[in-house]
Amino acid sequence: MKLKEALGKKRFVVTSEVQAPMGDDNPEELVENLKRVRGRVDGVSVTEVELEGIVGDTIKTCEILKDNRFDAIYQTTTRDKNRIQLQKDLSLAHDAGVENLLVFTEDYRITGDSLQETMFFHVDSGKLASVLDHMREGQSVDGKELSGKMDFTMGTGVESSWGKNVPRQGMNEMETMREIGAGYFLTTPIFDLDQFEKFMRQVGTFDVPVIAEVMILRTAGMARFLNRHFKSGLVPDWIIRKLDKAPDKQKASIELFTDTVNGLKDICQGVHIITIGGEEKLRQYLDAAKLR
């Protein structure tokens, strides 16, 4: 079942995320790992990555996933792209058969204080709306004919760690993204179910499906790395202690994942699983959480 259909039927959606292969990395190897969960995930998003001048081919990776019967999600940014570049990339993705779009800024998963924190998931909605409106009419932003009308099932990120105190700015941005066609919201990583339930009560008024991001944490060292390099306090201390003290790290990791997913099944409409390079282990976690 494709992502759009699963969302429309209010099914509990399961998506995951991979990084486009870099340099000499073999994309076929990535697909081989994912074949173990084919039919059990409703979509696989591919992140845009540039490292020391080397750029992963996100669209080609999406195309390979599609050829292997996965519903690919093209993940892109708006901050450092003008309308022409954004339209070009979306057109290439559409021509490759990609039907799903996930939009952030380049600030995704980078945090700071005050304003930067509240702008964590800010998307240049004016730019994005202009490009999408033109593409839906089969027109380029400079008035030329495209190869046809183009549209996507679009998701965009929301900061969910505020609990019930979602700032007015955050609510306004979610409303704007709903108006320009967001088919779902994707949260920041969820660890505190009570806090997330309060968040859901506030944003439920948008009547847009919310998919919760869940990280597979295999070791305490991995959790500490995320807190040190991505966002201080992202992974709670109690999780780090459990992974630290557990005699069987894999069992503890699976238990943490399963407890989180089972709690989310009654709160939101799906999970987006971040494997942090452990795609080959995803099936074990899906089995434990009884996700199809």
C-alpha atoms as a PDB file:
ATOM      1  CA  MET A   1       0.000   0.000   0.000  1.00  0.00           C
ATOM      2  CA  LYS A   2       1.342   3.428  -0.938  1.00  0.00           C
ATOM      3  CA  LEU A   3       1.842   6.138   1.663  1.00  0.00           C
ATOM      4  CA  LYS A   4      -0.983   8.327   0.339  1.00  0.00           C
ATOM      5  CA  GLU A   5      -3.444   5.437   0.449  1.00  0.00           C
ATOM      6  CA  ALA A   6      -2.343   4.380   3.945  1.00  0.00           C
ATOM      7  CA  LEU A   7      -2.797   7.928   5.242  1.00  0.00           C
ATOM      8  CA  GLY A   8      -6.203   8.217   3.594  1.00  0.00           C
ATOM      9  CA  LYS A   9      -7.404   4.969   5.157  1.00  0.00           C
ATOM     10  CA  LYS A  10      -6.166   6.146   8.583  1.00  0.00           C
ATOM     11  CA  ARG A  11      -3.923   3.110   8.813  1.00  0.00           C
ATOM     12  CA  PHE A  12      -1.099   3.208  11.370  1.00  0.00           C
ATOM     13  CA  VAL A  13       1.670   4.257   8.991  1.00  0.00           C
ATOM     14  CA  VAL A  14       5.217   2.917   9.160  1.00  0.00           C
ATOM     15  CA  THR A  15       7.988   4.758   7.326  1.00  0.00           C
ATOM     16  CA  SER A  16      11.750   4.745   7.631  1.00  0.00           C
ATOM     17  CA  GLU A  17      14.709   6.777   6.429  1.00  0.00           C
ATOM     18  CA  VAL A  18      17.992   6.128   4.631  1.00  0.00           C
ATOM     19  CA  GLN A  19      20.877   8.284   3.511  1.00  0.00           C
ATOM     20  CA  ALA A  20      21.697   8.465  -0.179  1.00  0.00           C
ATOM     21  CA  PRO A  21      24.950   6.532  -0.842  1.00  0.00           C
ATOM     22  CA  MET A  22      28.065   8.699  -0.981  1.00  0.00           C
ATOM     23  CA  GLY A  23      31.034   8.398  -3.341  1.00  0.00           C
ATOM     24  CA  ASP A  24      31.745   4.737  -4.117  1.00  0.00           C
ATOM     25  CA  ASP A  25      28.987   3.392  -1.853  1.00  0.00           C
ATOM     26  CA  ASN A  26      26.791   0.878  -3.634  1.00  0.00           C
ATOM     27  CA  PRO A  27      23.069   1.792  -3.614  1.00  0.00           C
ATOM     28  CA  GLU A  28      22.178  -1.791  -4.435  1.00  0.00           C
ATOM     29  CA  GLU A  29      23.607  -2.870  -1.074  1.00  0.00           C
ATOM     30  CA  LEU A  30      21.266  -0.424   0.643  1.00  0.00           C
ATOM     31  CA  VAL A  31      18.309  -1.905  -1.221  1.00  0.00           C
ATOM     32  CA  GLU A  32      19.340  -5.453  -0.301  1.00  0.00           C
ATOM     33  CA  ASN A  33      19.147  -4.540   3.385  1.00  0.00           C
ATOM     34  CA  LEU A  34      15.731  -2.956   2.921  1.00  0.00           C
ATOM     35  CA  LYS A  35      14.311  -5.929   0.998  1.00  0.00           C
ATOM     36  CA  ARG A  36      13.961  -7.670   4.359  1.00  0.00           C
ATOM     37  CA  VAL A  37      11.154  -5.259   5.265  1.00  0.00           C
ATOM     38  CA  ARG A  38       9.552  -4.792   1.854  1.00  0.00           C
ATOM     39  CA  GLY A  39       5.784  -4.733   2.250  1.00  0.00           C
ATOM     40  CA  ARG A  40       6.080  -3.773   5.907  1.00  0.00           C
ATOM     41  CA  VAL A  41       6.895  -0.068   5.483  1.00  0.00           C
ATOM     42  CA  ASP A  42       4.628   2.405   3.721  1.00  0.00           C
ATOM     43  CA  GLY A  43       7.462   4.669   2.604  1.00  0.00           C
ATOM     44  CA  VAL A  44      11.219   5.182   2.740  1.00  0.00           C
ATOM     45  CA  SER A  45      12.567   8.735   2.791  1.00  0.00           C
ATOM     46  CA  VAL A  46      15.972   9.574   1.346  1.00  0.00           C
ATOM     47  CA  THR A  47      17.904  12.449   2.893  1.00  0.00           C
ATOM     48  CA  GLU A  48      19.949  14.957   0.921  1.00  0.00           C
ATOM     49  CA  VAL A  49      23.536  14.809   2.163  1.00  0.00           C
ATOM     50  CA  GLU A  50      26.667  16.752   1.238  1.00  0.00           C
ATOM     51  CA  LEU A  51      29.920  15.850   2.967  1.00  0.00           C
ATOM     52  CA  GLU A  52      33.242  17.484   2.098  1.00  0.00           C
ATOM     53  CA  GLY A  53      32.040  18.340  -1.389  1.00  0.00           C
ATOM     54  CA  ILE A  54      30.591  14.887  -2.093  1.00  0.00           C
ATOM     55  CA  VAL A  55      26.847  14.868  -2.667  1.00  0.00           C
ATOM     56  CA  GLY A  56      24.673  11.796  -2.398  1.00  0.00           C
ATOM     57  CA  ASP A  57      22.322  11.302  -5.355  1.00  0.00           C
ATOM     58  CA  THR A  58      19.013  11.475  -3.523  1.00  0.00           C
ATOM     59  CA  ILE A  59      16.789  11.314  -6.584  1.00  0.00           C
ATOM     60  CA  LYS A  60      18.665   8.356  -8.092  1.00  0.00           C
ATOM     61  CA  THR A  61      18.357   6.533  -4.774  1.00  0.00           C
ATOM     62  CA  CYS A  62      14.610   7.252  -4.750  1.00  0.00           C
ATOM     63  CA  GLU A  63      14.383   5.858  -8.273  1.00  0.00           C
ATOM     64  CA  ILE A  64      16.226   2.666  -7.265  1.00  0.00           C
ATOM     65  CA  LEU A  65      13.886   2.237  -4.292  1.00  0.00           C
ATOM     66  CA  LYS A  66      10.864   2.687  -6.552  1.00  0.00           C
ATOM     67  CA  ASP A  67      12.232   0.128  -9.031  1.00  0.00           C
ATOM     68  CA  ASN A  68      12.470  -2.290  -6.096  1.00  0.00           C
ATOM     69  CA  ARG A  69       8.839  -1.741  -5.088  1.00  0.00           C
ATOM     70  CA  PHE A  70       9.327   0.740  -2.254  1.00  0.00           C
ATOM     71  CA  ASP A  71       7.295   3.953  -2.041  1.00  0.00           C
ATOM     72  CA  ALA A  72      10.131   6.489  -2.027  1.00  0.00           C
ATOM     73  CA  ILE A  73       9.911   9.839  -0.225  1.00  0.00           C
ATOM     74  CA  TYR A  74      12.117  12.608  -1.591  1.00  0.00           C
ATOM     75  CA  GLN A  75      13.385  14.632   1.374  1.00  0.00           C
ATOM     76  CA  THR A  76      14.580  18.124   0.553  1.00  0.00           C
ATOM     77  CA  THR A  77      15.169  21.569   2.021  1.00  0.00           C
ATOM     78  CA  THR A  78      13.983  25.062   1.173  1.00  0.00           C
ATOM     79  CA  ARG A  79      16.436  27.356   2.920  1.00  0.00           C
ATOM     80  CA  ASP A  80      19.349  27.444   0.468  1.00  0.00           C
ATOM     81  CA  LYS A  81      17.377  26.849  -2.726  1.00  0.00           C
ATOM     82  CA  ASN A  82      15.746  29.537  -4.794  1.00  0.00           C
ATOM     83  CA  ARG A  83      12.458  28.832  -6.525  1.00  0.00           C
ATOM     84  CA  ILE A  84      14.140  27.756  -9.782  1.00  0.00           C
ATOM     85  CA  GLN A  85      16.401  25.231  -8.042  1.00  0.00           C
ATOM     86  CA  LEU A  86      13.602  23.911  -5.866  1.00  0.00           C
ATOM     87  CA  GLN A  87      11.364  23.479  -8.901  1.00  0.00           C
ATOM     88  CA  LYS A  88      14.152  21.743 -10.833  1.00  0.00           C
ATOM     89  CA  ASP A  89      14.764  19.237  -8.059  1.00  0.00           C
ATOM     90  CA  LEU A  90      11.061  18.522  -7.569  1.00  0.00           C
ATOM     91  CA  SER A  91      10.582  18.093 -11.318  1.00  0.00           C
ATOM     92  CA  LEU A  92      13.467  15.615 -11.496  1.00  0.00           C
ATOM     93  CA  ALA A  93      12.019  13.687  -8.582  1.00  0.00           C
ATOM     94  CA  HIS A  94       8.577  13.615 -10.212  1.00  0.00           C
ATOM     95  CA  ASP A  95      10.040  12.481 -13.539  1.00  0.00           C
ATOM     96  CA  ALA A  96      11.789   9.654 -11.662  1.00  0.00           C
ATOM     97  CA  GLY A  97       8.379   8.480 -10.470  1.00  0.00           C
ATOM     98  CA  VAL A  98       8.578   9.830  -6.926  1.00  0.00           C
ATOM     99  CA  GLU A  99       5.157  10.683  -5.506  1.00  0.00           C
ATOM    100  CA  ASN A 100       6.078  11.745  -1.969  1.00  0.00           C
ATOM    101  CA  LEU A 101       7.840  14.830  -0.637  1.00  0.00           C
ATOM    102  CA  LEU A 102       9.192  15.634   2.821  1.00  0.00           C
ATOM    103  CA  VAL A 103      10.299  19.232   3.352  1.00  0.00           C
ATOM    104  CA  PHE A 104      12.537  20.858   5.969  1.00  0.00           C
ATOM    105  CA  THR A 105      15.114  23.612   6.027  1.00  0.00           C
ATOM    106  CA  GLU A 106      18.823  22.903   6.215  1.00  0.00           C
ATOM    107  CA  ASP A 107      18.497  23.579   9.957  1.00  0.00           C
ATOM    108  CA  TYR A 108      16.717  20.236  10.403  1.00  0.00           C
ATOM    109  CA  ARG A 109      17.976  18.555  13.584  1.00  0.00           C
ATOM    110  CA  ILE A 110      20.257  21.470  14.465  1.00  0.00           C
ATOM    111  CA  THR A 111      19.217  23.405  17.541  1.00  0.00           C
ATOM    112  CA  GLY A 112      20.164  26.456  19.566  1.00  0.00           C
ATOM    113  CA  ASP A 113      18.637  29.016  21.880  1.00  0.00           C
ATOM    114  CA  SER A 114      15.543  31.245  21.755  1.00  0.00           C
ATOM    115  CA  LEU A 115      14.586  32.177  18.175  1.00  0.00           C
ATOM    116  CA  GLN A 116      16.687  29.475  16.544  1.00  0.00           C
ATOM    117  CA  GLU A 117      14.960  26.914  18.739  1.00  0.00           C
ATOM    118  CA  THR A 118      11.476  28.101  17.788  1.00  0.00           C
ATOM    119  CA  MET A 119      12.483  28.126  14.117  1.00  0.00           C
ATOM    120  CA  PHE A 120      13.676  24.515  14.362  1.00  0.00           C
ATOM    121  CA  PHE A 121      11.391  23.282  11.592  1.00  0.00           C
ATOM    122  CA  HIS A 122      10.621  26.541   9.843  1.00  0.00           C
ATOM    123  CA  VAL A 123       9.952  26.013   6.147  1.00  0.00           C
ATOM    124  CA  ASP A 124       9.939  28.885   3.677  1.00  0.00           C
ATOM    125  CA  SER A 125       6.260  28.317   3.006  1.00  0.00           C
ATOM    126  CA  GLY A 126       5.912  31.234   0.589  1.00  0.00           C
ATOM    127  CA  LYS A 127       8.643  29.894  -1.679  1.00  0.00           C
ATOM    128  CA  LEU A 128       7.374  26.328  -1.432  1.00  0.00           C
ATOM    129  CA  ALA A 129       3.747  27.314  -2.070  1.00  0.00           C
ATOM    130  CA  SER A 130       4.716  29.316  -5.150  1.00  0.00           C
ATOM    131  CA  VAL A 131       6.635  26.411  -6.659  1.00  0.00           C
ATOM    132  CA  LEU A 132       3.993  23.797  -5.858  1.00  0.00           C
ATOM    133  CA  ASP A 133       1.126  25.959  -7.139  1.00  0.00           C
ATOM    134  CA  HIS A 134       2.885  26.408 -10.476  1.00  0.00           C
ATOM    135  CA  MET A 135       3.797  22.722 -10.772  1.00  0.00           C
ATOM    136  CA  ARG A 136       0.239  21.629 -10.018  1.00  0.00           C
ATOM    137  CA  GLU A 137      -0.833  23.716 -13.031  1.00  0.00           C
ATOM    138  CA  GLY A 138       1.943  22.316 -15.230  1.00  0.00           C
ATOM    139  CA  GLN A 139       3.776  25.634 -15.285  1.00  0.00           C
ATOM    140  CA  SER A 140       7.291  26.637 -14.249  1.00  0.00           C
ATOM    141  CA  VAL A 141       7.789  29.597 -11.937  1.00  0.00           C
ATOM    142  CA  ASP A 142       9.011  31.630 -14.922  1.00  0.00           C
ATOM    143  CA  GLY A 143       5.902  30.861 -16.978  1.00  0.00           C
ATOM    144  CA  LYS A 144       7.103  27.980 -19.161  1.00  0.00           C
ATOM    145  CA  GLU A 145       5.253  24.739 -19.805  1.00  0.00           C
ATOM    146  CA  LEU A 146       6.365  21.720 -17.810  1.00  0.00           C
ATOM    147  CA  SER A 147       6.036  18.169 -19.105  1.00  0.00           C
ATOM    148  CA  GLY A 148       2.730  17.917 -17.257  1.00  0.00           C
ATOM    149  CA  LYS A 149       0.942  18.713 -14.029  1.00  0.00           C
ATOM    150  CA  MET A 150       2.912  17.569 -10.993  1.00  0.00           C
ATOM    151  CA  ASP A 151       1.894  17.015  -7.395  1.00  0.00           C
ATOM    152  CA  PHE A 152       3.144  15.154  -4.331  1.00  0.00           C
ATOM    153  CA  THR A 153       1.923  13.735  -1.061  1.00  0.00           C
ATOM    154  CA  MET A 154       3.753  16.234   1.114  1.00  0.00           C
ATOM    155  CA  GLY A 155       4.939  16.014   4.694  1.00  0.00           C
ATOM    156  CA  THR A 156       6.664  18.627   6.799  1.00  0.00           C
ATOM    157  CA  GLY A 157       8.295  18.627  10.230  1.00  0.00           C
ATOM    158  CA  VAL A 158       7.002  19.897  13.559  1.00  0.00           C
ATOM    159  CA  GLU A 159       8.822  20.397  16.857  1.00  0.00           C
ATOM    160  CA  SER A 160       6.984  18.169  19.340  1.00  0.00           C
ATOM    161  CA  SER A 161       9.022  18.584  22.539  1.00  0.00           C
ATOM    162  CA  TRP A 162       7.004  21.591  23.733  1.00  0.00           C
ATOM    163  CA  GLY A 163       4.230  19.342  25.015  1.00  0.00           C
ATOM    164  CA  LYS A 164       1.008  21.293  25.529  1.00  0.00           C
ATOM    165  CA  ASN A 165       2.749  24.672  25.266  1.00  0.00           C
ATOM    166  CA  VAL A 166       3.172  24.900  21.499  1.00  0.00           C
ATOM    167  CA  PRO A 167       4.176  28.512  20.712  1.00  0.00           C
ATOM    168  CA  ARG A 168       1.804  30.614  18.661  1.00  0.00           C
ATOM    169  CA  GLN A 169       4.440  30.832  15.931  1.00  0.00           C
ATOM    170  CA  GLY A 170       4.630  27.050  15.739  1.00  0.00           C
ATOM    171  CA  MET A 171       0.836  26.749  15.509  1.00  0.00           C
ATOM    172  CA  ASN A 172       0.711  29.428  12.815  1.00  0.00           C
ATOM    173  CA  GLU A 173       3.347  27.648  10.742  1.00  0.00           C
ATOM    174  CA  MET A 174       1.493  24.344  11.005  1.00  0.00           C
ATOM    175  CA  GLU A 175      -1.692  26.063   9.858  1.00  0.00           C
ATOM    176  CA  THR A 176       0.154  27.601   6.899  1.00  0.00           C
ATOM    177  CA  MET A 177       1.618  24.249   5.879  1.00  0.00           C
ATOM    178  CA  ARG A 178      -1.824  22.651   6.147  1.00  0.00           C
ATOM    179  CA  GLU A 179      -3.221  25.313   3.846  1.00  0.00           C
ATOM    180  CA  ILE A 180      -0.571  24.724   1.168  1.00  0.00           C
ATOM    181  CA  GLY A 181      -1.216  21.002   1.143  1.00  0.00           C
ATOM    182  CA  ALA A 182       0.665  19.187   3.912  1.00  0.00           C
ATOM    183  CA  GLY A 183      -0.677  15.639   3.990  1.00  0.00           C
ATOM    184  CA  TYR A 184       1.030  14.852   7.286  1.00  0.00           C
ATOM    185  CA  PHE A 185       3.306  16.299   9.961  1.00  0.00           C
ATOM    186  CA  LEU A 186       6.474  14.506  11.045  1.00  0.00           C
ATOM    187  CA  THR A 187       7.625  15.116  14.609  1.00  0.00           C
ATOM    188  CA  THR A 188      11.013  15.390  16.221  1.00  0.00           C
ATOM    189  CA  PRO A 189      12.123  12.160  18.009  1.00  0.00           C
ATOM    190  CA  ILE A 190       9.668  10.976  20.667  1.00  0.00           C
ATOM    191  CA  PHE A 191      10.854   9.628  24.022  1.00  0.00           C
ATOM    192  CA  ASP A 192       8.284  11.053  26.471  1.00  0.00           C
ATOM    193  CA  LEU A 193       4.823   9.679  25.664  1.00  0.00           C
ATOM    194  CA  ASP A 194       2.987  11.809  28.241  1.00  0.00           C
ATOM    195  CA  GLN A 195       4.483  15.000  26.868  1.00  0.00           C
ATOM    196  CA  PHE A 196       3.712  13.934  23.316  1.00  0.00           C
ATOM    197  CA  GLU A 197       0.091  13.165  24.180  1.00  0.00           C
ATOM    198  CA  LYS A 198      -0.305  16.731  25.459  1.00  0.00           C
ATOM    199  CA  PHE A 199       1.212  18.019  22.223  1.00  0.00           C
ATOM    200  CA  MET A 200      -1.222  15.916  20.175  1.00  0.00           C
ATOM    201  CA  ARG A 201      -4.231  17.278  22.045  1.00  0.00           C
ATOM    202  CA  GLN A 202      -3.237  20.791  21.018  1.00  0.00           C
ATOM    203  CA  VAL A 203      -2.350  20.138  17.352  1.00  0.00           C
ATOM    204  CA  GLY A 204      -5.222  17.721  16.735  1.00  0.00           C
ATOM    205  CA  THR A 205      -7.333  20.715  15.688  1.00  0.00           C
ATOM    206  CA  PHE A 206      -5.492  20.785  12.336  1.00  0.00           C
ATOM    207  CA  ASP A 207      -7.016  17.428  11.333  1.00  0.00           C
ATOM    208  CA  VAL A 208      -3.744  16.441   9.641  1.00  0.00           C
ATOM    209  CA  PRO A 209      -2.151  13.026  10.345  1.00  0.00           C
ATOM    210  CA  VAL A 210       0.860  13.158  12.667  1.00  0.00           C
ATOM    211  CA  ILE A 211       3.685  10.639  12.293  1.00  0.00           C
ATOM    212  CA  ALA A 212       6.024  10.313  15.266  1.00  0.00           C
ATOM    213  CA  GLU A 213       9.747   9.931  14.713  1.00  0.00           C
ATOM    214  CA  VAL A 214      11.249   7.033  16.676  1.00  0.00           C
ATOM    215  CA  MET A 215      14.976   6.383  16.909  1.00  0.00           C
ATOM    216  CA  ILE A 216      16.518   2.937  17.223  1.00  0.00           C
ATOM    217  CA  LEU A 217      19.171   3.437  19.904  1.00  0.00           C
ATOM    218  CA  ARG A 218      21.445   0.397  20.082  1.00  0.00           C
ATOM    219  CA  THR A 219      23.958   1.600  22.683  1.00  0.00           C
ATOM    220  CA  ALA A 220      24.383   4.250  25.360  1.00  0.00           C
ATOM    221  CA  GLY A 221      27.334   5.600  23.381  1.00  0.00           C
ATOM    222  CA  MET A 222      25.071   6.264  20.419  1.00  0.00           C
ATOM    223  CA  ALA A 223      22.638   8.148  22.654  1.00  0.00           C
ATOM    224  CA  ARG A 224      25.430  10.259  24.163  1.00  0.00           C
ATOM    225  CA  PHE A 225      26.729  11.067  20.680  1.00  0.00           C
ATOM    226  CA  LEU A 226      23.298  12.392  19.659  1.00  0.00           C
ATOM    227  CA  ASN A 227      23.103  14.543  22.784  1.00  0.00           C
ATOM    228  CA  ARG A 228      26.590  15.898  22.203  1.00  0.00           C
ATOM    229  CA  HIS A 229      26.466  16.565  18.454  1.00  0.00           C
ATOM    230  CA  PHE A 230      22.798  17.031  17.539  1.00  0.00           C
ATOM    231  CA  LYS A 231      20.807  18.358  20.474  1.00  0.00           C
ATOM    232  CA  SER A 232      21.660  18.514  24.158  1.00  0.00           C
ATOM    233  CA  GLY A 233      19.196  16.457  26.173  1.00  0.00           C
ATOM    234  CA  LEU A 234      17.620  14.878  23.088  1.00  0.00           C
ATOM    235  CA  VAL A 235      17.881  11.388  24.589  1.00  0.00           C
ATOM    236  CA  PRO A 236      16.725  11.313  28.247  1.00  0.00           C
ATOM    237  CA  ASP A 237      19.149  10.181  30.948  1.00  0.00           C
ATOM    238  CA  TRP A 238      16.953   7.241  31.980  1.00  0.00           C
ATOM    239  CA  ILE A 239      17.283   5.728  28.502  1.00  0.00           C
ATOM    240  CA  ILE A 240      21.061   6.121  28.555  1.00  0.00           C
ATOM    241  CA  ARG A 241      21.209   4.473  32.006  1.00  0.00           C
ATOM    242  CA  LYS A 242      19.096   1.540  30.839  1.00  0.00           C
ATOM    243  CA  LEU A 243      21.305   0.923  27.814  1.00  0.00           C
ATOM    244  CA  ASP A 244      24.425   1.363  29.936  1.00  0.00           C
ATOM    245  CA  LYS A 245      23.421  -1.145  32.610  1.00  0.00           C
ATOM    246  CA  ALA A 246      21.724  -3.748  30.413  1.00  0.00           C
ATOM    247  CA  PRO A 247      23.685  -7.020  30.161  1.00  0.00           C
ATOM    248  CA  ASP A 248      22.001  -7.620  26.778  1.00  0.00           C
ATOM    249  CA  LYS A 249      22.204  -4.320  24.872  1.00  0.00           C
ATOM    250  CA  GLN A 250      20.174  -5.526  21.896  1.00  0.00           C
ATOM    251  CA  LYS A 251      17.343  -6.785  24.099  1.00  0.00           C
ATOM    252  CA  ALA A 252      17.238  -3.451  25.949  1.00  0.00           C
ATOM    253  CA  SER A 253      17.261  -1.535  22.671  1.00  0.00           C
ATOM    254  CA  ILE A 254      14.374  -3.571  21.287  1.00  0.00           C
ATOM    255  CA  GLU A 255      12.399  -3.159  24.532  1.00  0.00           C
ATOM    256  CA  LEU A 256      12.804   0.632  24.436  1.00  0.00           C
ATOM    257  CA  PHE A 257      11.674   0.749  20.817  1.00  0.00           C
ATOM    258  CA  THR A 258       8.716  -1.581  21.378  1.00  0.00           C
ATOM    259  CA  ASP A 259       7.452   0.266  24.450  1.00  0.00           C
ATOM    260  CA  THR A 260       7.584   3.594  22.594  1.00  0.00           C
ATOM    261  CA  VAL A 261       5.829   2.290  19.476  1.00  0.00           C
ATOM    262  CA  ASN A 262       3.113   0.497  21.448  1.00  0.00           C
ATOM    263  CA  GLY A 263       2.419   3.706  23.354  1.00  0.00           C
ATOM    264  CA  LEU A 264       2.224   5.721  20.145  1.00  0.00           C
ATOM    265  CA  LYS A 265      -0.326   3.437  18.479  1.00  0.00           C
ATOM    266  CA  ASP A 266      -3.141   5.071  20.471  1.00  0.00           C
ATOM    267  CA  ILE A 267      -1.823   8.627  20.178  1.00  0.00           C
ATOM    268  CA  CYS A 268      -0.930   9.353  16.544  1.00  0.00           C
ATOM    269  CA  GLN A 269      -1.192   7.867  13.053  1.00  0.00           C
ATOM    270  CA  GLY A 270       2.199   6.319  12.531  1.00  0.00           C
ATOM    271  CA  VAL A 271       5.915   6.103  13.171  1.00  0.00           C
ATOM    272  CA  HIS A 272       8.930   7.189  11.162  1.00  0.00           C
ATOM    273  CA  ILE A 273      11.825   4.934  12.186  1.00  0.00           C
ATOM    274  CA  ILE A 274      15.387   6.272  12.218  1.00  0.00           C
ATOM    275  CA  THR A 275      17.746   3.292  12.148  1.00  0.00           C
ATOM    276  CA  ILE A 276      20.984   5.348  12.364  1.00  0.00           C
ATOM    277  CA  GLY A 277      22.757   3.100   9.887  1.00  0.00           C
ATOM    278  CA  GLY A 278      21.167  -0.130  11.101  1.00  0.00           C
ATOM    279  CA  GLU A 279      18.833  -0.880   8.185  1.00  0.00           C
ATOM    280  CA  GLU A 280      19.764  -4.570   8.292  1.00  0.00           C
ATOM    281  CA  LYS A 281      18.378  -4.814  11.847  1.00  0.00           C
ATOM    282  CA  LEU A 282      15.059  -3.071  11.149  1.00  0.00           C
ATOM    283  CA  ARG A 283      13.111  -6.294  10.695  1.00  0.00           C
ATOM    284  CA  GLN A 284      13.881  -7.424  14.260  1.00  0.00           C
ATOM    285  CA  TYR A 285      12.426  -4.221  15.642  1.00  0.00           C
ATOM    286  CA  LEU A 286       9.335  -4.391  13.442  1.00  0.00           C
ATOM    287  CA  ASP A 287       8.756  -7.974  14.584  1.00  0.00           C
ATOM    288  CA  ALA A 288       9.080  -7.067  18.261  1.00  0.00           C
ATOM    289  CA  ALA A 289       6.650  -4.148  17.971  1.00  0.00           C
ATOM    290  CA  LYS A 290       4.250  -6.220  15.814  1.00  0.00           C
ATOM    291  CA  LEU A 291       4.390  -3.693  12.991  1.00  0.00           C
ATOM    292  CA  ARG A 292       2.935  -5.839  10.207  1.00  0.00           C
END
